[in-house]
């Protein structure tokens, strides 16, 4: 599974660094390093929303506060 977080300027201002750091922590805590690839990319074209994240090409808009819930529903539940 590939999880990609936008790190472009708009998403950076909305907390993409926090999102990336928390996703890294969750992947390590759950020992999913061999199942989940975390990547960053520049602008994904969803600048009007929260931080843009894709999971295997499905697009999501999340806040730094919503990372844990997102991880449970969109990553853990689909592994």
Protein backbone atom coordinates (compact mmCIF):
# COMPACT_ATOMS: atom_id res chain seq x y z
CA UNK A 1 0.00 0.00 0.00
CA UNK A 2 1.36 3.42 -0.91
CA UNK A 3 0.43 6.50 1.15
CA UNK A 4 1.49 9.81 -0.38
CA UNK A 5 1.28 13.15 1.42
CA UNK A 6 1.38 16.50 -0.37
CA UNK A 7 4.26 18.62 0.92
CA UNK A 8 3.64 21.58 -1.39
CA UNK A 9 3.41 25.10 0.04
CA UNK A 10 -0.34 25.16 0.64
CA UNK A 11 -0.41 21.77 2.37
CA UNK A 12 2.75 22.65 4.28
CA UNK A 13 0.95 25.65 5.75
CA UNK A 14 -1.97 23.39 6.69
CA UNK A 15 0.26 20.96 8.61
CA UNK A 16 1.58 18.38 6.15
CA UNK A 17 4.80 18.00 8.14
CA UNK A 18 2.79 17.02 11.22
CA UNK A 19 0.75 14.59 9.11
CA UNK A 20 3.90 12.96 7.73
CA UNK A 21 5.52 12.67 11.16
CA UNK A 22 2.41 11.10 12.71
CA UNK A 23 1.98 8.65 9.83
CA UNK A 24 5.63 7.61 10.24
CA UNK A 25 5.03 7.04 13.97
CA UNK A 26 1.88 5.00 13.35
CA UNK A 27 3.56 2.84 10.70
CA UNK A 28 6.44 2.13 13.10
CA UNK A 29 4.14 1.51 16.11
CA UNK A 30 2.10 -1.03 14.14
CA UNK A 31 5.20 -2.63 12.51
CA UNK A 32 3.82 -1.97 9.03
CA UNK A 33 7.04 -0.84 7.37
CA UNK A 34 6.95 -3.83 5.05
CA UNK A 35 3.31 -3.24 4.07
CA UNK A 36 2.96 0.55 3.90
CA UNK A 37 5.16 2.81 1.81
CA UNK A 38 5.05 6.47 2.90
CA UNK A 39 6.01 9.08 0.32
CA UNK A 40 5.82 12.83 -0.19
CA UNK A 41 5.05 14.78 -3.32
CA UNK A 42 4.54 18.35 -4.35
CA UNK A 43 1.17 19.89 -5.27
CA UNK A 44 -1.57 17.37 -5.93
CA UNK A 45 -4.14 19.95 -7.01
CA UNK A 46 -6.39 19.93 -3.93
CA UNK A 47 -5.12 23.18 -2.44
CA UNK A 48 -8.57 24.44 -1.39
CA UNK A 49 -8.99 21.62 1.14
CA UNK A 50 -6.94 20.28 4.05
CA UNK A 51 -3.69 18.32 3.60
CA UNK A 52 -4.01 16.15 0.51
CA UNK A 53 -3.16 12.47 1.02
CA UNK A 54 -3.55 9.56 -1.37
CA UNK A 55 -3.80 5.89 -0.52
CA UNK A 56 -3.24 3.77 -3.62
CA UNK A 57 -4.54 6.64 -5.82
CA UNK A 58 -7.64 7.37 -3.70
CA UNK A 59 -7.56 11.05 -2.68
CA UNK A 60 -8.30 12.24 0.88
CA UNK A 61 -8.18 15.60 2.61
CA UNK A 62 -7.13 15.38 6.26
CA UNK A 63 -6.14 17.64 9.12
CA UNK A 64 -3.21 16.97 11.43
CA UNK A 65 -5.76 16.21 14.18
CA UNK A 66 -7.48 13.63 11.99
CA UNK A 67 -4.42 11.50 11.17
CA UNK A 68 -5.10 8.72 13.68
CA UNK A 69 -8.71 8.22 12.59
CA UNK A 70 -7.67 8.36 8.93
CA UNK A 71 -4.95 5.77 9.54
CA UNK A 72 -7.40 3.38 11.20
CA UNK A 73 -10.14 3.67 8.53
CA UNK A 74 -8.10 4.05 5.36
CA UNK A 75 -4.89 2.14 6.08
CA UNK A 76 -5.35 -0.45 8.83
CA UNK A 77 -8.85 -1.45 7.74
CA UNK A 78 -7.67 -2.04 4.16
CA UNK A 79 -4.56 -4.11 4.81
